């Protein structure tokens, strides 16, 4: 299938929401539609981004430094991976993007939206995901899942108040932009979740072909 431009698809949600369970399945499903697909993640996705990921997940730092490093990794990711792939007709599936910065740094860390919005406008005002799946579960479910994880990073180790604020921002953004951000009730079976995702993918592929 030869498309003039690929689609940019992102997965979001608090730690423990279950989004990562579906990344490879999404890639496989899209490929079964005859699409060329790249799977990537944030922070990360490039050699520089992966180095910054290690720092961000494990080293304590000031909130402003944390936010700027997130966007530094994103700048490299966009310019060297995401934008060239989309231009070549490749569909990009990305585990987290700027919605995560609004939710985690803006909400969880209480930075607010103004400075994040300014960085977003500077870095990628003309690039937004075509579709974002927000995997959402009650906080107690997310925490139960996280407690099964060994070697938690410094975000996963945050308290309930942090995750409540983070989730609240995610849900608010989904309410503000329902055409792009699709809330997925992740407190269901994998089969039920994937049945819903399958319907979304069919619509995306159809619109991609028509474009």
C-alpha atoms as a PDB file:
ATOM      1  CA  UNK A   1       0.000   0.000   0.000  1.00  0.00           C
ATOM      2  CA  UNK A   2       1.551   3.281  -1.075  1.00  0.00           C
ATOM      3  CA  UNK A   3       0.381   6.295   0.885  1.00  0.00           C
ATOM      4  CA  UNK A   4       1.669   9.819   0.437  1.00  0.00           C
ATOM      5  CA  UNK A   5       2.075  10.302   4.175  1.00  0.00           C
ATOM      6  CA  UNK A   6       2.050   7.949   7.132  1.00  0.00           C
ATOM      7  CA  UNK A   7      -0.130   8.336  10.197  1.00  0.00           C
ATOM      8  CA  UNK A   8       1.195   9.148  13.649  1.00  0.00           C
ATOM      9  CA  UNK A   9      -0.392   7.026  16.396  1.00  0.00           C
ATOM     10  CA  UNK A  10       0.392   7.350  20.096  1.00  0.00           C
ATOM     11  CA  UNK A  11      -0.419   5.430  23.252  1.00  0.00           C
ATOM     12  CA  UNK A  12      -0.807   7.180  26.599  1.00  0.00           C
ATOM     13  CA  UNK A  13      -1.797   6.438  30.170  1.00  0.00           C
ATOM     14  CA  UNK A  14      -0.475   6.425  33.704  1.00  0.00           C
ATOM     15  CA  UNK A  15       2.051   3.779  34.679  1.00  0.00           C
ATOM     16  CA  UNK A  16       0.158   0.548  35.218  1.00  0.00           C
ATOM     17  CA  UNK A  17      -2.640   1.380  32.778  1.00  0.00           C
ATOM     18  CA  UNK A  18      -1.587  -1.473  30.489  1.00  0.00           C
ATOM     19  CA  UNK A  19      -0.836   0.393  27.263  1.00  0.00           C
ATOM     20  CA  UNK A  20       2.512  -1.305  26.597  1.00  0.00           C
ATOM     21  CA  UNK A  21       0.760  -4.681  26.414  1.00  0.00           C
ATOM     22  CA  UNK A  22      -0.791  -3.628  23.119  1.00  0.00           C
ATOM     23  CA  UNK A  23       2.088  -1.918  21.294  1.00  0.00           C
ATOM     24  CA  UNK A  24       3.391  -4.919  19.361  1.00  0.00           C
ATOM     25  CA  UNK A  25      -0.139  -6.140  18.666  1.00  0.00           C
ATOM     26  CA  UNK A  26      -0.983  -2.747  17.153  1.00  0.00           C
ATOM     27  CA  UNK A  27       2.112  -2.889  14.965  1.00  0.00           C
ATOM     28  CA  UNK A  28       1.291  -6.422  13.812  1.00  0.00           C
ATOM     29  CA  UNK A  29      -2.327  -5.492  13.087  1.00  0.00           C
ATOM     30  CA  UNK A  30      -1.334  -2.473  11.003  1.00  0.00           C
ATOM     31  CA  UNK A  31       1.235  -4.533   9.107  1.00  0.00           C
ATOM     32  CA  UNK A  32      -1.496  -7.073   8.335  1.00  0.00           C
ATOM     33  CA  UNK A  33      -3.261  -4.228   6.540  1.00  0.00           C
ATOM     34  CA  UNK A  34      -0.228  -3.938   4.255  1.00  0.00           C
ATOM     35  CA  UNK A  35       1.260  -0.903   5.979  1.00  0.00           C
ATOM     36  CA  UNK A  36       4.893  -0.186   6.772  1.00  0.00           C
ATOM     37  CA  UNK A  37       5.061   0.536  10.501  1.00  0.00           C
ATOM     38  CA  UNK A  38       7.680   1.856  12.919  1.00  0.00           C
ATOM     39  CA  UNK A  39       7.366   1.231  16.656  1.00  0.00           C
ATOM     40  CA  UNK A  40       9.129   3.719  18.917  1.00  0.00           C
ATOM     41  CA  UNK A  41       8.874   5.322  22.366  1.00  0.00           C
ATOM     42  CA  UNK A  42       9.385   8.458  24.416  1.00  0.00           C
ATOM     43  CA  UNK A  43      11.577   9.420  25.985  1.00  0.00           C
ATOM     44  CA  UNK A  44      13.861   7.508  23.656  1.00  0.00           C
ATOM     45  CA  UNK A  45      13.580   6.425  20.067  1.00  0.00           C
ATOM     46  CA  UNK A  46      17.090   7.550  19.098  1.00  0.00           C
ATOM     47  CA  UNK A  47      20.579   6.878  20.519  1.00  0.00           C
ATOM     48  CA  UNK A  48      20.585  10.310  22.177  1.00  0.00           C
ATOM     49  CA  UNK A  49      16.988   9.884  23.310  1.00  0.00           C
ATOM     50  CA  UNK A  50      17.733   6.530  24.935  1.00  0.00           C
ATOM     51  CA  UNK A  51      20.638   8.043  26.883  1.00  0.00           C
ATOM     52  CA  UNK A  52      18.382  10.855  28.048  1.00  0.00           C
ATOM     53  CA  UNK A  53      15.719   8.275  28.962  1.00  0.00           C
ATOM     54  CA  UNK A  54      18.093   6.607  31.409  1.00  0.00           C
ATOM     55  CA  UNK A  55      18.858   9.959  33.020  1.00  0.00           C
ATOM     56  CA  UNK A  56      15.207  11.000  33.171  1.00  0.00           C
ATOM     57  CA  UNK A  57      13.961   7.732  34.653  1.00  0.00           C
ATOM     58  CA  UNK A  58      16.642   7.320  37.288  1.00  0.00           C
ATOM     59  CA  UNK A  59      18.365  10.613  38.193  1.00  0.00           C
ATOM     60  CA  UNK A  60      16.842  13.221  40.477  1.00  0.00           C
ATOM     61  CA  UNK A  61      16.698  16.701  38.954  1.00  0.00           C
ATOM     62  CA  UNK A  62      14.848  20.005  39.041  1.00  0.00           C
ATOM     63  CA  UNK A  63      11.442  20.010  37.398  1.00  0.00           C
ATOM     64  CA  UNK A  64      12.462  22.556  34.761  1.00  0.00           C
ATOM     65  CA  UNK A  65      15.492  20.441  33.832  1.00  0.00           C
ATOM     66  CA  UNK A  66      13.286  17.353  33.624  1.00  0.00           C
ATOM     67  CA  UNK A  67      10.822  19.071  31.300  1.00  0.00           C
ATOM     68  CA  UNK A  68      13.496  20.508  29.034  1.00  0.00           C
ATOM     69  CA  UNK A  69      15.242  17.137  28.768  1.00  0.00           C
ATOM     70  CA  UNK A  70      11.926  15.557  27.747  1.00  0.00           C
ATOM     71  CA  UNK A  71      11.637  18.056  24.927  1.00  0.00           C
ATOM     72  CA  UNK A  72      15.313  17.709  24.008  1.00  0.00           C
ATOM     73  CA  UNK A  73      14.816  13.974  23.502  1.00  0.00           C
ATOM     74  CA  UNK A  74      11.597  14.728  21.606  1.00  0.00           C
ATOM     75  CA  UNK A  75      13.314  17.205  19.284  1.00  0.00           C
ATOM     76  CA  UNK A  76      15.880  14.600  18.230  1.00  0.00           C
ATOM     77  CA  UNK A  77      13.168  11.972  17.904  1.00  0.00           C
ATOM     78  CA  UNK A  78      10.955  14.147  15.732  1.00  0.00           C
ATOM     79  CA  UNK A  79      13.615  15.449  13.408  1.00  0.00           C
ATOM     80  CA  UNK A  80      15.560  12.241  12.865  1.00  0.00           C
ATOM     81  CA  UNK A  81      12.892   9.522  13.139  1.00  0.00           C
ATOM     82  CA  UNK A  82       9.231  10.532  13.261  1.00  0.00           C
ATOM     83  CA  UNK A  83       9.089  13.259  10.611  1.00  0.00           C
ATOM     84  CA  UNK A  84      11.190  11.385   8.000  1.00  0.00           C
ATOM     85  CA  UNK A  85       9.155   8.206   8.486  1.00  0.00           C
ATOM     86  CA  UNK A  86       5.826   9.975   8.121  1.00  0.00           C
ATOM     87  CA  UNK A  87       7.071  11.741   5.000  1.00  0.00           C
ATOM     88  CA  UNK A  88       8.007   8.341   3.533  1.00  0.00           C
ATOM     89  CA  UNK A  89       4.532   6.943   4.131  1.00  0.00           C
ATOM     90  CA  UNK A  90       5.499   4.920   7.209  1.00  0.00           C
ATOM     91  CA  UNK A  91       2.947   4.720  10.022  1.00  0.00           C
ATOM     92  CA  UNK A  92       4.524   5.516  13.398  1.00  0.00           C
ATOM     93  CA  UNK A  93       3.302   3.913  16.628  1.00  0.00           C
ATOM     94  CA  UNK A  94       4.801   5.779  19.578  1.00  0.00           C
ATOM     95  CA  UNK A  95       4.590   4.793  23.241  1.00  0.00           C
ATOM     96  CA  UNK A  96       3.993   8.280  24.772  1.00  0.00           C
ATOM     97  CA  UNK A  97       4.389  11.737  23.262  1.00  0.00           C
ATOM     98  CA  UNK A  98       3.697  15.315  24.378  1.00  0.00           C
ATOM     99  CA  UNK A  99       0.396  14.429  26.071  1.00  0.00           C
ATOM    100  CA  UNK A 100       2.567  12.597  28.601  1.00  0.00           C
ATOM    101  CA  UNK A 101       4.538  15.746  29.344  1.00  0.00           C
ATOM    102  CA  UNK A 102       1.345  17.701  29.967  1.00  0.00           C
ATOM    103  CA  UNK A 103       0.108  14.905  32.246  1.00  0.00           C
ATOM    104  CA  UNK A 104       3.283  13.961  34.125  1.00  0.00           C
ATOM    105  CA  UNK A 105       5.253  17.195  34.339  1.00  0.00           C
ATOM    106  CA  UNK A 106       2.287  19.558  33.986  1.00  0.00           C
ATOM    107  CA  UNK A 107      -0.132  17.660  36.210  1.00  0.00           C
ATOM    108  CA  UNK A 108       1.765  15.163  38.326  1.00  0.00           C
ATOM    109  CA  UNK A 109       4.709  17.500  38.967  1.00  0.00           C
ATOM    110  CA  UNK A 110       2.391  20.545  38.994  1.00  0.00           C
ATOM    111  CA  UNK A 111       4.345  22.619  36.492  1.00  0.00           C
ATOM    112  CA  UNK A 112       1.112  23.674  34.800  1.00  0.00           C
ATOM    113  CA  UNK A 113       0.464  23.901  31.084  1.00  0.00           C
ATOM    114  CA  UNK A 114       1.805  27.305  30.027  1.00  0.00           C
ATOM    115  CA  UNK A 115       5.502  26.504  29.641  1.00  0.00           C
ATOM    116  CA  UNK A 116       4.819  23.044  28.214  1.00  0.00           C
ATOM    117  CA  UNK A 117       2.449  24.556  25.658  1.00  0.00           C
ATOM    118  CA  UNK A 118       5.127  27.080  24.685  1.00  0.00           C
ATOM    119  CA  UNK A 119       7.668  24.302  24.121  1.00  0.00           C
ATOM    120  CA  UNK A 120       5.127  22.289  22.154  1.00  0.00           C
ATOM    121  CA  UNK A 121       4.355  25.296  19.958  1.00  0.00           C
ATOM    122  CA  UNK A 122       8.051  25.888  19.321  1.00  0.00           C
ATOM    123  CA  UNK A 123       8.968  22.283  18.621  1.00  0.00           C
ATOM    124  CA  UNK A 124       5.989  20.761  16.793  1.00  0.00           C
ATOM    125  CA  UNK A 125       3.155  23.220  16.293  1.00  0.00           C
ATOM    126  CA  UNK A 126       2.413  21.598  12.931  1.00  0.00           C
ATOM    127  CA  UNK A 127       2.712  17.965  14.068  1.00  0.00           C
ATOM    128  CA  UNK A 128       0.168  16.228  16.292  1.00  0.00           C
ATOM    129  CA  UNK A 129      -0.754  12.551  16.492  1.00  0.00           C
ATOM    130  CA  UNK A 130      -3.493  11.499  14.104  1.00  0.00           C
ATOM    131  CA  UNK A 131      -4.888   9.306  16.868  1.00  0.00           C
ATOM    132  CA  UNK A 132      -4.022   8.886  20.537  1.00  0.00           C
ATOM    133  CA  UNK A 133      -5.271   5.975  22.600  1.00  0.00           C
ATOM    134  CA  UNK A 134      -5.504   6.865  26.283  1.00  0.00           C
ATOM    135  CA  UNK A 135      -5.463   3.666  28.318  1.00  0.00           C
ATOM    136  CA  UNK A 136      -7.292   4.418  31.541  1.00  0.00           C
ATOM    137  CA  UNK A 137      -7.876   2.455  34.727  1.00  0.00           C
ATOM    138  CA  UNK A 138      -8.834   3.432  38.293  1.00  0.00           C
ATOM    139  CA  UNK A 139      -5.819   4.412  40.355  1.00  0.00           C
ATOM    140  CA  UNK A 140      -6.042   1.359  42.615  1.00  0.00           C
ATOM    141  CA  UNK A 141      -5.836  -0.947  39.590  1.00  0.00           C
ATOM    142  CA  UNK A 142      -2.802   0.856  38.210  1.00  0.00           C
ATOM    143  CA  UNK A 143      -1.078   0.724  41.594  1.00  0.00           C
ATOM    144  CA  UNK A 144      -1.796  -2.997  41.973  1.00  0.00           C
ATOM    145  CA  UNK A 145      -0.228  -3.657  38.574  1.00  0.00           C
ATOM    146  CA  UNK A 146       2.779  -1.490  39.377  1.00  0.00           C
ATOM    147  CA  UNK A 147       3.369  -3.314  42.661  1.00  0.00           C
ATOM    148  CA  UNK A 148       4.073  -6.459  40.623  1.00  0.00           C
ATOM    149  CA  UNK A 149       6.916  -4.650  38.833  1.00  0.00           C
ATOM    150  CA  UNK A 150      10.474  -4.990  40.023  1.00  0.00           C
ATOM    151  CA  UNK A 151      13.015  -2.164  39.827  1.00  0.00           C
ATOM    152  CA  UNK A 152      10.509   0.645  39.446  1.00  0.00           C
ATOM    153  CA  UNK A 153      11.808   3.892  37.965  1.00  0.00           C
ATOM    154  CA  UNK A 154      11.430   7.201  39.812  1.00  0.00           C
ATOM    155  CA  UNK A 155       8.103   8.001  38.141  1.00  0.00           C
ATOM    156  CA  UNK A 156       6.602   4.622  38.989  1.00  0.00           C
ATOM    157  CA  UNK A 157       7.663   5.169  42.620  1.00  0.00           C
ATOM    158  CA  UNK A 158       5.538   8.313  42.997  1.00  0.00           C
ATOM    159  CA  UNK A 159       2.615   8.418  45.422  1.00  0.00           C
ATOM    160  CA  UNK A 160      -1.118   8.290  44.829  1.00  0.00           C
ATOM    161  CA  UNK A 161      -1.546  12.078  44.695  1.00  0.00           C
ATOM    162  CA  UNK A 162       0.945  12.304  41.830  1.00  0.00           C
ATOM    163  CA  UNK A 163      -0.896   9.698  39.784  1.00  0.00           C
ATOM    164  CA  UNK A 164      -4.300  11.220  40.537  1.00  0.00           C
ATOM    165  CA  UNK A 165      -3.086  14.562  39.177  1.00  0.00           C
ATOM    166  CA  UNK A 166      -1.494  12.877  36.170  1.00  0.00           C
ATOM    167  CA  UNK A 167      -4.625  10.904  35.354  1.00  0.00           C
ATOM    168  CA  UNK A 168      -6.817  13.987  35.788  1.00  0.00           C
ATOM    169  CA  UNK A 169      -4.829  15.894  33.164  1.00  0.00           C
ATOM    170  CA  UNK A 170      -4.995  12.959  30.758  1.00  0.00           C
ATOM    171  CA  UNK A 171      -8.774  12.749  31.136  1.00  0.00           C
ATOM    172  CA  UNK A 172      -9.170  16.506  30.757  1.00  0.00           C
ATOM    173  CA  UNK A 173      -7.157  16.481  27.534  1.00  0.00           C
ATOM    174  CA  UNK A 174      -9.263  13.607  26.200  1.00  0.00           C
ATOM    175  CA  UNK A 175     -12.410  15.566  26.973  1.00  0.00           C
ATOM    176  CA  UNK A 176     -11.002  18.654  25.241  1.00  0.00           C
ATOM    177  CA  UNK A 177      -9.948  16.769  22.093  1.00  0.00           C
ATOM    178  CA  UNK A 178     -12.196  13.698  21.689  1.00  0.00           C
ATOM    179  CA  UNK A 179     -11.618  13.538  17.929  1.00  0.00           C
ATOM    180  CA  UNK A 180      -7.945  12.730  18.502  1.00  0.00           C
ATOM    181  CA  UNK A 181      -7.749  11.209  21.975  1.00  0.00           C
ATOM    182  CA  UNK A 182      -9.747   8.006  22.413  1.00  0.00           C
ATOM    183  CA  UNK A 183     -10.171   6.867  26.000  1.00  0.00           C
ATOM    184  CA  UNK A 184      -9.777   3.100  26.286  1.00  0.00           C
ATOM    185  CA  UNK A 185     -11.213   1.423  29.377  1.00  0.00           C
ATOM    186  CA  UNK A 186      -8.200  -0.704  30.211  1.00  0.00           C
ATOM    187  CA  UNK A 187      -9.862  -2.373  33.172  1.00  0.00           C
ATOM    188  CA  UNK A 188     -11.215  -5.062  30.831  1.00  0.00           C
ATOM    189  CA  UNK A 189      -9.915  -8.215  29.237  1.00  0.00           C
ATOM    190  CA  UNK A 190      -7.227  -7.950  26.569  1.00  0.00           C
ATOM    191  CA  UNK A 191      -9.695  -9.427  24.069  1.00  0.00           C
ATOM    192  CA  UNK A 192     -12.275  -6.717  24.743  1.00  0.00           C
ATOM    193  CA  UNK A 193      -9.705  -3.943  24.491  1.00  0.00           C
ATOM    194  CA  UNK A 194      -8.311  -5.272  21.228  1.00  0.00           C
ATOM    195  CA  UNK A 195     -11.774  -5.619  19.726  1.00  0.00           C
ATOM    196  CA  UNK A 196     -12.279  -1.889  20.324  1.00  0.00           C
ATOM    197  CA  UNK A 197      -8.822  -1.051  18.959  1.00  0.00           C
ATOM    198  CA  UNK A 198      -9.539  -3.153  15.873  1.00  0.00           C
ATOM    199  CA  UNK A 199     -12.539  -0.950  15.081  1.00  0.00           C
ATOM    200  CA  UNK A 200     -10.438   2.192  15.476  1.00  0.00           C
ATOM    201  CA  UNK A 201      -7.700   0.804  13.248  1.00  0.00           C
ATOM    202  CA  UNK A 202     -10.182  -0.055  10.502  1.00  0.00           C
ATOM    203  CA  UNK A 203     -11.372   3.560  10.438  1.00  0.00           C
ATOM    204  CA  UNK A 204      -7.808   4.905  10.427  1.00  0.00           C
ATOM    205  CA  UNK A 205      -6.732   2.638   7.579  1.00  0.00           C
ATOM    206  CA  UNK A 206      -9.814   3.576   5.571  1.00  0.00           C
ATOM    207  CA  UNK A 207      -9.152   7.290   6.049  1.00  0.00           C
ATOM    208  CA  UNK A 208      -5.481   6.770   5.184  1.00  0.00           C
ATOM    209  CA  UNK A 209      -6.328   5.067   1.931  1.00  0.00           C
ATOM    210  CA  UNK A 210      -8.798   7.799   1.019  1.00  0.00           C
ATOM    211  CA  UNK A 211      -6.230  10.512   1.791  1.00  0.00           C
END
